[in-house]
Amino acid sequence: MTATDAYVRVCALGDLAEDTPHRVEVDGVPVSVVRTAGDVFAINDICSHANVSLSEGEVEDCQIECWLHGSSFDLRTGKPSGLPATRPVPVYPVKIVGDDVLVSVTQES
């Protein structure tokens, strides 16, 4: 997918199972899209501690856990909740238009 506009359609809302990360790529940026707590979030898919996909981790209480070392990141802010990660990961704005999920990687929220 490439962004000709700030927001790019990444999937249908119906494609997102509750609390199950969905990995997409937008302009070469790996993004994990998560539907949880009645909302949809987009967070960079690469853990800031280790170069692994966050989409392979578990989602609970609006956090996504890195499967390798157990750091969790807040889906709203990207901030880690504990060690070993100390740096946040980028989060991206999401728009829902009808059944389309749109993400902008040109701006971080």
PDB file of N, CA and C in Angstrom:
ATOM      1  N   MET A   1       0.836  -1.171   0.000  1.00  0.00           N
ATOM      2  CA  MET A   1       0.000   0.000   0.000  1.00  0.00           C
ATOM      3  C   MET A   1       0.880   1.233   0.000  1.00  0.00           C
ATOM      4  N   THR A   2       0.430   2.272  -0.657  1.00  0.00           N
ATOM      5  CA  THR A   2       1.149   3.537  -0.626  1.00  0.00           C
ATOM      6  C   THR A   2       0.181   4.643  -0.263  1.00  0.00           C
ATOM      7  N   ALA A   3       0.682   5.654   0.363  1.00  0.00           N
ATOM      8  CA  ALA A   3      -0.160   6.765   0.785  1.00  0.00           C
ATOM      9  C   ALA A   3      -0.085   7.882  -0.231  1.00  0.00           C
ATOM     10  N   THR A   4      -1.193   8.152  -0.884  1.00  0.00           N
ATOM     11  CA  THR A   4      -1.280   9.313  -1.757  1.00  0.00           C
ATOM     12  C   THR A   4      -1.940  10.436  -0.987  1.00  0.00           C
ATOM     13  N   ASP A   5      -2.481  10.100   0.133  1.00  0.00           N
ATOM     14  CA  ASP A   5      -3.224  10.990   1.002  1.00  0.00           C
ATOM     15  C   ASP A   5      -2.699  10.683   2.407  1.00  0.00           C
ATOM     16  N   ALA A   6      -3.057  11.462   3.377  1.00  0.00           N
ATOM     17  CA  ALA A   6      -2.561  11.236   4.736  1.00  0.00           C
ATOM     18  C   ALA A   6      -3.051   9.903   5.296  1.00  0.00           C
ATOM     19  N   TYR A   7      -4.272   9.508   4.954  1.00  0.00           N
ATOM     20  CA  TYR A   7      -4.829   8.256   5.466  1.00  0.00           C
ATOM     21  C   TYR A   7      -4.919   7.208   4.366  1.00  0.00           C
ATOM     22  N   VAL A   8      -4.585   5.969   4.724  1.00  0.00           N
ATOM     23  CA  VAL A   8      -4.604   4.854   3.782  1.00  0.00           C
ATOM     24  C   VAL A   8      -5.509   3.767   4.348  1.00  0.00           C
ATOM     25  N   ARG A   9      -6.353   3.182   3.495  1.00  0.00           N
ATOM     26  CA  ARG A   9      -7.189   2.066   3.921  1.00  0.00           C
ATOM     27  C   ARG A   9      -6.285   0.854   4.157  1.00  0.00           C
ATOM     28  N   VAL A  10      -6.377   0.278   5.357  1.00  0.00           N
ATOM     29  CA  VAL A  10      -5.527  -0.866   5.680  1.00  0.00           C
ATOM     30  C   VAL A  10      -6.304  -2.172   5.763  1.00  0.00           C
ATOM     31  N   CYS A  11      -7.610  -2.100   6.056  1.00  0.00           N
ATOM     32  CA  CYS A  11      -8.429  -3.298   6.139  1.00  0.00           C
ATOM     33  C   CYS A  11      -9.878  -2.885   6.359  1.00  0.00           C
ATOM     34  N   ALA A  12     -10.756  -3.870   6.385  1.00  0.00           N
ATOM     35  CA  ALA A  12     -12.149  -3.635   6.735  1.00  0.00           C
ATOM     36  C   ALA A  12     -12.298  -3.801   8.242  1.00  0.00           C
ATOM     37  N   LEU A  13     -13.216  -3.065   8.829  1.00  0.00           N
ATOM     38  CA  LEU A  13     -13.462  -3.188  10.259  1.00  0.00           C
ATOM     39  C   LEU A  13     -13.823  -4.631  10.612  1.00  0.00           C
ATOM     40  N   GLY A  14     -14.558  -5.293   9.731  1.00  0.00           N
ATOM     41  CA  GLY A  14     -14.950  -6.683   9.939  1.00  0.00           C
ATOM     42  C   GLY A  14     -13.780  -7.658   9.923  1.00  0.00           C
ATOM     43  N   ASP A  15     -12.630  -7.234   9.407  1.00  0.00           N
ATOM     44  CA  ASP A  15     -11.438  -8.085   9.384  1.00  0.00           C
ATOM     45  C   ASP A  15     -10.743  -8.149  10.747  1.00  0.00           C
ATOM     46  N   LEU A  16     -11.115  -7.253  11.645  1.00  0.00           N
ATOM     47  CA  LEU A  16     -10.425  -7.156  12.930  1.00  0.00           C
ATOM     48  C   LEU A  16     -11.197  -7.891  14.019  1.00  0.00           C
ATOM     49  N   ALA A  17     -10.609  -8.975  14.506  1.00  0.00           N
ATOM     50  CA  ALA A  17     -11.192  -9.698  15.637  1.00  0.00           C
ATOM     51  C   ALA A  17     -10.799  -8.964  16.916  1.00  0.00           C
ATOM     52  N   GLU A  18     -11.692  -8.922  17.870  1.00  0.00           N
ATOM     53  CA  GLU A  18     -11.439  -8.242  19.148  1.00  0.00           C
ATOM     54  C   GLU A  18     -10.173  -8.793  19.810  1.00  0.00           C
ATOM     55  N   ASP A  19      -9.314  -7.879  20.244  1.00  0.00           N
ATOM     56  CA  ASP A  19      -8.082  -8.201  20.981  1.00  0.00           C
ATOM     57  C   ASP A  19      -7.101  -9.087  20.210  1.00  0.00           C
ATOM     58  N   THR A  20      -7.169  -9.035  18.886  1.00  0.00           N
ATOM     59  CA  THR A  20      -6.254  -9.809  18.045  1.00  0.00           C
ATOM     60  C   THR A  20      -5.517  -8.861  17.099  1.00  0.00           C
ATOM     61  N   PRO A  21      -4.210  -8.677  17.271  1.00  0.00           N
ATOM     62  CA  PRO A  21      -3.455  -7.774  16.404  1.00  0.00           C
ATOM     63  C   PRO A  21      -3.492  -8.222  14.941  1.00  0.00           C
ATOM     64  N   HIS A  22      -3.561  -7.242  14.049  1.00  0.00           N
ATOM     65  CA  HIS A  22      -3.600  -7.484  12.602  1.00  0.00           C
ATOM     66  C   HIS A  22      -2.448  -6.683  11.990  1.00  0.00           C
ATOM     67  N   ARG A  23      -1.466  -7.363  11.412  1.00  0.00           N
ATOM     68  CA  ARG A  23      -0.291  -6.682  10.858  1.00  0.00           C
ATOM     69  C   ARG A  23      -0.557  -6.227   9.431  1.00  0.00           C
ATOM     70  N   VAL A  24      -0.223  -4.963   9.166  1.00  0.00           N
ATOM     71  CA  VAL A  24      -0.309  -4.396   7.823  1.00  0.00           C
ATOM     72  C   VAL A  24       0.971  -3.607   7.568  1.00  0.00           C
ATOM     73  N   GLU A  25       1.164  -3.207   6.326  1.00  0.00           N
ATOM     74  CA  GLU A  25       2.304  -2.365   5.993  1.00  0.00           C
ATOM     75  C   GLU A  25       1.794  -1.170   5.206  1.00  0.00           C
ATOM     76  N   VAL A  26       2.197   0.021   5.624  1.00  0.00           N
ATOM     77  CA  VAL A  26       1.790   1.255   4.961  1.00  0.00           C
ATOM     78  C   VAL A  26       3.045   2.039   4.608  1.00  0.00           C
ATOM     79  N   ASP A  27       3.287   2.242   3.335  1.00  0.00           N
ATOM     80  CA  ASP A  27       4.484   2.950   2.867  1.00  0.00           C
ATOM     81  C   ASP A  27       5.757   2.386   3.482  1.00  0.00           C
ATOM     82  N   GLY A  28       5.836   1.071   3.590  1.00  0.00           N
ATOM     83  CA  GLY A  28       7.016   0.426   4.130  1.00  0.00           C
ATOM     84  C   GLY A  28       7.087   0.413   5.647  1.00  0.00           C
ATOM     85  N   VAL A  29       6.073   0.963   6.315  1.00  0.00           N
ATOM     86  CA  VAL A  29       6.047   0.998   7.778  1.00  0.00           C
ATOM     87  C   VAL A  29       5.188  -0.163   8.292  1.00  0.00           C
ATOM     88  N   PRO A  30       5.759  -1.049   9.102  1.00  0.00           N
ATOM     89  CA  PRO A  30       4.965  -2.137   9.673  1.00  0.00           C
ATOM     90  C   PRO A  30       4.079  -1.589  10.801  1.00  0.00           C
ATOM     91  N   VAL A  31       2.780  -1.903  10.711  1.00  0.00           N
ATOM     92  CA  VAL A  31       1.802  -1.375  11.660  1.00  0.00           C
ATOM     93  C   VAL A  31       0.958  -2.524  12.193  1.00  0.00           C
ATOM     94  N   SER A  32       0.692  -2.490  13.484  1.00  0.00           N
ATOM     95  CA  SER A  32      -0.224  -3.435  14.096  1.00  0.00           C
ATOM     96  C   SER A  32      -1.530  -2.685  14.361  1.00  0.00           C
ATOM     97  N   VAL A  33      -2.614  -3.185  13.785  1.00  0.00           N
ATOM     98  CA  VAL A  33      -3.934  -2.584  13.971  1.00  0.00           C
ATOM     99  C   VAL A  33      -4.697  -3.487  14.936  1.00  0.00           C
ATOM    100  N   VAL A  34      -5.258  -2.882  15.976  1.00  0.00           N
ATOM    101  CA  VAL A  34      -5.908  -3.656  17.026  1.00  0.00           C
ATOM    102  C   VAL A  34      -7.282  -3.072  17.344  1.00  0.00           C
ATOM    103  N   ARG A  35      -8.276  -3.950  17.379  1.00  0.00           N
ATOM    104  CA  ARG A  35      -9.620  -3.568  17.802  1.00  0.00           C
ATOM    105  C   ARG A  35      -9.803  -4.075  19.233  1.00  0.00           C
ATOM    106  N   THR A  36      -9.980  -3.127  20.158  1.00  0.00           N
ATOM    107  CA  THR A  36     -10.140  -3.492  21.571  1.00  0.00           C
ATOM    108  C   THR A  36     -10.857  -2.378  22.309  1.00  0.00           C
ATOM    109  N   ALA A  37     -11.547  -2.719  23.349  1.00  0.00           N
ATOM    110  CA  ALA A  37     -12.208  -1.752  24.227  1.00  0.00           C
ATOM    111  C   ALA A  37     -13.107  -0.792  23.449  1.00  0.00           C
ATOM    112  N   GLY A  38     -13.732  -1.305  22.380  1.00  0.00           N
ATOM    113  CA  GLY A  38     -14.654  -0.486  21.602  1.00  0.00           C
ATOM    114  C   GLY A  38     -14.004   0.518  20.672  1.00  0.00           C
ATOM    115  N   ASP A  39     -12.718   0.394  20.441  1.00  0.00           N
ATOM    116  CA  ASP A  39     -12.008   1.328  19.575  1.00  0.00           C
ATOM    117  C   ASP A  39     -11.002   0.569  18.715  1.00  0.00           C
ATOM    118  N   VAL A  40     -10.398   1.275  17.759  1.00  0.00           N
ATOM    119  CA  VAL A  40      -9.369   0.689  16.897  1.00  0.00           C
ATOM    120  C   VAL A  40      -8.112   1.541  17.035  1.00  0.00           C
ATOM    121  N   PHE A  41      -6.995   0.873  17.231  1.00  0.00           N
ATOM    122  CA  PHE A  41      -5.716   1.544  17.432  1.00  0.00           C
ATOM    123  C   PHE A  41      -4.708   1.058  16.396  1.00  0.00           C
ATOM    124  N   ALA A  42      -3.723   1.922  16.101  1.00  0.00           N
ATOM    125  CA  ALA A  42      -2.626   1.558  15.197  1.00  0.00           C
ATOM    126  C   ALA A  42      -1.318   1.931  15.884  1.00  0.00           C
ATOM    127  N   ILE A  43      -0.426   0.960  15.979  1.00  0.00           N
ATOM    128  CA  ILE A  43       0.852   1.147  16.660  1.00  0.00           C
ATOM    129  C   ILE A  43       1.941   0.535  15.786  1.00  0.00           C
ATOM    130  N   ASN A  44       3.119   1.138  15.814  1.00  0.00           N
ATOM    131  CA  ASN A  44       4.227   0.570  15.051  1.00  0.00           C
ATOM    132  C   ASN A  44       4.416  -0.874  15.487  1.00  0.00           C
ATOM    133  N   ASP A  45       4.616  -1.758  14.532  1.00  0.00           N
ATOM    134  CA  ASP A  45       4.630  -3.192  14.820  1.00  0.00           C
ATOM    135  C   ASP A  45       5.961  -3.715  15.353  1.00  0.00           C
ATOM    136  N   ILE A  46       6.966  -2.857  15.462  1.00  0.00           N
ATOM    137  CA  ILE A  46       8.283  -3.338  15.899  1.00  0.00           C
ATOM    138  C   ILE A  46       8.563  -2.890  17.337  1.00  0.00           C
ATOM    139  N   CYS A  47       8.848  -3.835  18.198  1.00  0.00           N
ATOM    140  CA  CYS A  47       9.167  -3.565  19.594  1.00  0.00           C
ATOM    141  C   CYS A  47      10.398  -2.662  19.675  1.00  0.00           C
ATOM    142  N   SER A  48      10.361  -1.680  20.574  1.00  0.00           N
ATOM    143  CA  SER A  48      11.499  -0.761  20.714  1.00  0.00           C
ATOM    144  C   SER A  48      12.676  -1.394  21.460  1.00  0.00           C
ATOM    145  N   HIS A  49      12.467  -2.526  22.083  1.00  0.00           N
ATOM    146  CA  HIS A  49      13.540  -3.213  22.815  1.00  0.00           C
ATOM    147  C   HIS A  49      14.250  -4.248  21.947  1.00  0.00           C
ATOM    148  N   ALA A  50      13.451  -5.003  21.178  1.00  0.00           N
ATOM    149  CA  ALA A  50      14.007  -6.042  20.309  1.00  0.00           C
ATOM    150  C   ALA A  50      13.298  -5.938  18.966  1.00  0.00           C
ATOM    151  N   ASN A  51      13.970  -6.243  17.924  1.00  0.00           N
ATOM    152  CA  ASN A  51      13.425  -6.095  16.581  1.00  0.00           C
ATOM    153  C   ASN A  51      12.478  -7.250  16.251  1.00  0.00           C
ATOM    154  N   VAL A  52      11.332  -7.305  16.955  1.00  0.00           N
ATOM    155  CA  VAL A  52      10.347  -8.362  16.724  1.00  0.00           C
ATOM    156  C   VAL A  52       8.967  -7.741  16.545  1.00  0.00           C
ATOM    157  N   SER A  53       8.090  -8.492  15.898  1.00  0.00           N
ATOM    158  CA  SER A  53       6.743  -8.030  15.589  1.00  0.00           C
ATOM    159  C   SER A  53       5.841  -8.060  16.815  1.00  0.00           C
ATOM    160  N   LEU A  54       5.260  -6.901  17.143  1.00  0.00           N
ATOM    161  CA  LEU A  54       4.302  -6.844  18.244  1.00  0.00           C
ATOM    162  C   LEU A  54       2.996  -7.551  17.899  1.00  0.00           C
ATOM    163  N   SER A  55       2.699  -7.691  16.602  1.00  0.00           N
ATOM    164  CA  SER A  55       1.458  -8.351  16.177  1.00  0.00           C
ATOM    165  C   SER A  55       1.395  -9.811  16.601  1.00  0.00           C
ATOM    166  N   GLU A  56       2.531 -10.377  16.970  1.00  0.00           N
ATOM    167  CA  GLU A  56       2.551 -11.764  17.410  1.00  0.00           C
ATOM    168  C   GLU A  56       2.268 -11.888  18.909  1.00  0.00           C
ATOM    169  N   GLY A  57       2.074 -10.749  19.586  1.00  0.00           N
ATOM    170  CA  GLY A  57       1.846 -10.747  21.018  1.00  0.00           C
ATOM    171  C   GLY A  57       0.368 -10.732  21.384  1.00  0.00           C
ATOM    172  N   GLU A  58       0.114 -10.721  22.683  1.00  0.00           N
ATOM    173  CA  GLU A  58      -1.237 -10.722  23.241  1.00  0.00           C
ATOM    174  C   GLU A  58      -1.700  -9.291  23.508  1.00  0.00           C
ATOM    175  N   VAL A  59      -3.025  -9.094  23.448  1.00  0.00           N
ATOM    176  CA  VAL A  59      -3.625  -7.794  23.763  1.00  0.00           C
ATOM    177  C   VAL A  59      -4.503  -7.965  24.994  1.00  0.00           C
ATOM    178  N   GLU A  60      -4.306  -7.060  25.960  1.00  0.00           N
ATOM    179  CA  GLU A  60      -5.130  -7.071  27.162  1.00  0.00           C
ATOM    180  C   GLU A  60      -5.092  -5.687  27.799  1.00  0.00           C
ATOM    181  N   ASP A  61      -6.244  -5.204  28.245  1.00  0.00           N
ATOM    182  CA  ASP A  61      -6.341  -3.906  28.934  1.00  0.00           C
ATOM    183  C   ASP A  61      -5.722  -2.773  28.123  1.00  0.00           C
ATOM    184  N   CYS A  62      -6.004  -2.732  26.822  1.00  0.00           N
ATOM    185  CA  CYS A  62      -5.526  -1.680  25.917  1.00  0.00           C
ATOM    186  C   CYS A  62      -3.999  -1.639  25.825  1.00  0.00           C
ATOM    187  N   GLN A  63      -3.359  -2.800  26.006  1.00  0.00           N
ATOM    188  CA  GLN A  63      -1.915  -2.915  25.853  1.00  0.00           C
ATOM    189  C   GLN A  63      -1.599  -4.115  24.976  1.00  0.00           C
ATOM    190  N   ILE A  64      -0.499  -3.982  24.253  1.00  0.00           N
ATOM    191  CA  ILE A  64      -0.021  -5.100  23.434  1.00  0.00           C
ATOM    192  C   ILE A  64       1.316  -5.546  24.023  1.00  0.00           C
ATOM    193  N   GLU A  65       1.456  -6.842  24.206  1.00  0.00           N
ATOM    194  CA  GLU A  65       2.651  -7.390  24.834  1.00  0.00           C
ATOM    195  C   GLU A  65       3.599  -7.967  23.781  1.00  0.00           C
ATOM    196  N   CYS A  66       4.857  -7.628  23.901  1.00  0.00           N
ATOM    197  CA  CYS A  66       5.880  -8.223  23.052  1.00  0.00           C
ATOM    198  C   CYS A  66       6.072  -9.671  23.493  1.00  0.00           C
ATOM    199  N   TRP A  67       5.939 -10.588  22.573  1.00  0.00           N
ATOM    200  CA  TRP A  67       5.997 -12.011  22.900  1.00  0.00           C
ATOM    201  C   TRP A  67       7.398 -12.471  23.313  1.00  0.00           C
ATOM    202  N   LEU A  68       8.426 -11.726  22.928  1.00  0.00           N
ATOM    203  CA  LEU A  68       9.785 -12.196  23.176  1.00  0.00           C
ATOM    204  C   LEU A  68      10.255 -11.970  24.617  1.00  0.00           C
ATOM    205  N   HIS A  69      10.099 -10.739  25.103  1.00  0.00           N
ATOM    206  CA  HIS A  69      10.604 -10.426  26.441  1.00  0.00           C
ATOM    207  C   HIS A  69       9.533  -9.920  27.406  1.00  0.00           C
ATOM    208  N   GLY A  70       8.287  -9.809  26.947  1.00  0.00           N
ATOM    209  CA  GLY A  70       7.191  -9.483  27.848  1.00  0.00           C
ATOM    210  C   GLY A  70       6.911  -8.021  28.097  1.00  0.00           C
ATOM    211  N   SER A  71       7.602  -7.103  27.433  1.00  0.00           N
ATOM    212  CA  SER A  71       7.254  -5.694  27.599  1.00  0.00           C
ATOM    213  C   SER A  71       5.883  -5.444  26.983  1.00  0.00           C
ATOM    214  N   SER A  72       5.098  -4.590  27.631  1.00  0.00           N
ATOM    215  CA  SER A  72       3.791  -4.220  27.086  1.00  0.00           C
ATOM    216  C   SER A  72       3.808  -2.749  26.720  1.00  0.00           C
ATOM    217  N   PHE A  73       3.068  -2.413  25.666  1.00  0.00           N
ATOM    218  CA  PHE A  73       2.995  -1.036  25.188  1.00  0.00           C
ATOM    219  C   PHE A  73       1.534  -0.599  25.162  1.00  0.00           C
ATOM    220  N   ASP A  74       1.281   0.612  25.657  1.00  0.00           N
ATOM    221  CA  ASP A  74      -0.065   1.173  25.656  1.00  0.00           C
ATOM    222  C   ASP A  74      -0.463   1.468  24.211  1.00  0.00           C
ATOM    223  N   LEU A  75      -1.602   0.948  23.782  1.00  0.00           N
ATOM    224  CA  LEU A  75      -2.054   1.150  22.402  1.00  0.00           C
ATOM    225  C   LEU A  75      -2.420   2.605  22.124  1.00  0.00           C
ATOM    226  N   ARG A  76      -2.721   3.380  23.165  1.00  0.00           N
ATOM    227  CA  ARG A  76      -3.104   4.784  22.981  1.00  0.00           C
ATOM    228  C   ARG A  76      -1.894   5.700  22.886  1.00  0.00           C
ATOM    229  N   THR A  77      -0.810   5.367  23.604  1.00  0.00           N
ATOM    230  CA  THR A  77       0.342   6.263  23.683  1.00  0.00           C
ATOM    231  C   THR A  77       1.638   5.671  23.153  1.00  0.00           C
ATOM    232  N   GLY A  78       1.716   4.347  23.079  1.00  0.00           N
ATOM    233  CA  GLY A  78       2.944   3.679  22.666  1.00  0.00           C
ATOM    234  C   GLY A  78       3.957   3.524  23.780  1.00  0.00           C
ATOM    235  N   LYS A  79       3.645   4.037  24.979  1.00  0.00           N
ATOM    236  CA  LYS A  79       4.598   3.973  26.088  1.00  0.00           C
ATOM    237  C   LYS A  79       4.671   2.560  26.658  1.00  0.00           C
ATOM    238  N   PRO A  80       5.903   2.124  26.981  1.00  0.00           N
ATOM    239  CA  PRO A  80       6.046   0.804  27.601  1.00  0.00           C
ATOM    240  C   PRO A  80       5.592   0.855  29.064  1.00  0.00           C
ATOM    241  N   SER A  81       5.056  -0.260  29.537  1.00  0.00           N
ATOM    242  CA  SER A  81       4.595  -0.298  30.923  1.00  0.00           C
ATOM    243  C   SER A  81       5.648  -0.864  31.862  1.00  0.00           C
ATOM    244  N   GLY A  82       6.701  -1.401  31.307  1.00  0.00           N
ATOM    245  CA  GLY A  82       7.757  -1.944  32.157  1.00  0.00           C
ATOM    246  C   GLY A  82       8.916  -2.479  31.354  1.00  0.00           C
ATOM    247  N   LEU A  83       9.945  -2.863  32.069  1.00  0.00           N
ATOM    248  CA  LEU A  83      11.165  -3.387  31.453  1.00  0.00           C
ATOM    249  C   LEU A  83      10.898  -4.716  30.757  1.00  0.00           C
ATOM    250  N   PRO A  84      11.712  -5.069  29.781  1.00  0.00           N
ATOM    251  CA  PRO A  84      12.980  -4.440  29.440  1.00  0.00           C
ATOM    252  C   PRO A  84      12.857  -3.233  28.501  1.00  0.00           C
ATOM    253  N   ALA A  85      11.708  -2.991  27.894  1.00  0.00           N
ATOM    254  CA  ALA A  85      11.569  -1.835  27.001  1.00  0.00           C
ATOM    255  C   ALA A  85      11.544  -0.546  27.813  1.00  0.00           C
ATOM    256  N   THR A  86      12.250   0.475  27.326  1.00  0.00           N
ATOM    257  CA  THR A  86      12.257   1.770  27.992  1.00  0.00           C
ATOM    258  C   THR A  86      11.815   2.890  27.056  1.00  0.00           C
ATOM    259  N   ARG A  87      11.798   2.612  25.755  1.00  0.00           N
ATOM    260  CA  ARG A  87      11.411   3.631  24.768  1.00  0.00           C
ATOM    261  C   ARG A  87      10.027   3.308  24.208  1.00  0.00           C
ATOM    262  N   PRO A  88       9.206   4.338  23.993  1.00  0.00           N
ATOM    263  CA  PRO A  88       7.891   4.105  23.396  1.00  0.00           C
ATOM    264  C   PRO A  88       8.015   3.736  21.915  1.00  0.00           C
ATOM    265  N   VAL A  89       6.947   3.190  21.367  1.00  0.00           N
ATOM    266  CA  VAL A  89       6.863   2.958  19.929  1.00  0.00           C
ATOM    267  C   VAL A  89       5.823   3.928  19.368  1.00  0.00           C
ATOM    268  N   PRO A  90       5.970   4.343  18.123  1.00  0.00           N
ATOM    269  CA  PRO A  90       5.018   5.292  17.551  1.00  0.00           C
ATOM    270  C   PRO A  90       3.600   4.712  17.467  1.00  0.00           C
ATOM    271  N   VAL A  91       2.623   5.569  17.713  1.00  0.00           N
ATOM    272  CA  VAL A  91       1.229   5.230  17.475  1.00  0.00           C
ATOM    273  C   VAL A  91       0.721   6.172  16.384  1.00  0.00           C
ATOM    274  N   TYR A  92      -0.270   5.700  15.637  1.00  0.00           N
ATOM    275  CA  TYR A  92      -0.743   6.442  14.479  1.00  0.00           C
ATOM    276  C   TYR A  92      -2.242   6.680  14.574  1.00  0.00           C
ATOM    277  N   PRO A  93      -2.698   7.821  14.031  1.00  0.00           N
ATOM    278  CA  PRO A  93      -4.132   8.095  14.054  1.00  0.00           C
ATOM    279  C   PRO A  93      -4.905   7.145  13.141  1.00  0.00           C
ATOM    280  N   VAL A  94      -6.126   6.816  13.588  1.00  0.00           N
ATOM    281  CA  VAL A  94      -7.006   5.898  12.865  1.00  0.00           C
ATOM    282  C   VAL A  94      -8.325   6.598  12.599  1.00  0.00           C
ATOM    283  N   LYS A  95      -8.885   6.387  11.425  1.00  0.00           N
ATOM    284  CA  LYS A  95     -10.227   6.845  11.091  1.00  0.00           C
ATOM    285  C   LYS A  95     -11.030   5.638  10.623  1.00  0.00           C
ATOM    286  N   ILE A  96     -12.283   5.593  11.004  1.00  0.00           N
ATOM    287  CA  ILE A  96     -13.202   4.570  10.507  1.00  0.00           C
ATOM    288  C   ILE A  96     -14.185   5.274   9.589  1.00  0.00           C
ATOM    289  N   VAL A  97     -14.232   4.849   8.341  1.00  0.00           N
ATOM    290  CA  VAL A  97     -15.159   5.417   7.365  1.00  0.00           C
ATOM    291  C   VAL A  97     -15.994   4.259   6.820  1.00  0.00           C
ATOM    292  N   GLY A  98     -17.248   4.191   7.269  1.00  0.00           N
ATOM    293  CA  GLY A  98     -18.076   3.049   6.907  1.00  0.00           C
ATOM    294  C   GLY A  98     -17.481   1.801   7.526  1.00  0.00           C
ATOM    295  N   ASP A  99     -17.070   0.839   6.677  1.00  0.00           N
ATOM    296  CA  ASP A  99     -16.436  -0.382   7.171  1.00  0.00           C
ATOM    297  C   ASP A  99     -14.926  -0.355   6.922  1.00  0.00           C
ATOM    298  N   ASP A 100     -14.410   0.775   6.462  1.00  0.00           N
ATOM    299  CA  ASP A 100     -12.983   0.894   6.152  1.00  0.00           C
ATOM    300  C   ASP A 100     -12.193   1.422   7.340  1.00  0.00           C
ATOM    301  N   VAL A 101     -11.056   0.800   7.611  1.00  0.00           N
ATOM    302  CA  VAL A 101     -10.133   1.268   8.637  1.00  0.00           C
ATOM    303  C   VAL A 101      -9.001   1.990   7.914  1.00  0.00           C
ATOM    304  N   LEU A 102      -8.811   3.258   8.247  1.00  0.00           N
ATOM    305  CA  LEU A 102      -7.793   4.085   7.616  1.00  0.00           C
ATOM    306  C   LEU A 102      -6.742   4.487   8.658  1.00  0.00           C
ATOM    307  N   VAL A 103      -5.473   4.441   8.259  1.00  0.00           N
ATOM    308  CA  VAL A 103      -4.372   4.779   9.153  1.00  0.00           C
ATOM    309  C   VAL A 103      -3.475   5.774   8.453  1.00  0.00           C
ATOM    310  N   SER A 104      -2.955   6.731   9.210  1.00  0.00           N
ATOM    311  CA  SER A 104      -1.975   7.671   8.681  1.00  0.00           C
ATOM    312  C   SER A 104      -0.631   7.419   9.361  1.00  0.00           C
ATOM    313  N   VAL A 105       0.388   7.096   8.562  1.00  0.00           N
ATOM    314  CA  VAL A 105       1.733   6.930   9.130  1.00  0.00           C
ATOM    315  C   VAL A 105       2.571   8.179   8.902  1.00  0.00           C
ATOM    316  N   THR A 106       1.980   9.188   8.245  1.00  0.00           N
ATOM    317  CA  THR A 106       2.714  10.428   8.012  1.00  0.00           C
ATOM    318  C   THR A 106       2.650  11.334   9.232  1.00  0.00           C
ATOM    319  N   GLN A 107       1.770  10.983  10.170  1.00  0.00           N
ATOM    320  CA  GLN A 107       1.686  11.747  11.417  1.00  0.00           C
ATOM    321  C   GLN A 107       1.523  10.766  12.571  1.00  0.00           C
ATOM    322  N   GLU A 108       2.212  11.067  13.642  1.00  0.00           N
ATOM    323  CA  GLU A 108       2.074  10.238  14.840  1.00  0.00           C
ATOM    324  C   GLU A 108       1.139  10.955  15.793  1.00  0.00           C
ATOM    325  N   SER A 109       0.346  10.169  16.523  1.00  0.00           N
ATOM    326  CA  SER A 109      -0.573  10.807  17.474  1.00  0.00           C
ATOM    327  C   SER A 109      -0.051  10.697  18.883  1.00  0.00           C
TER     328      SER A 109
END
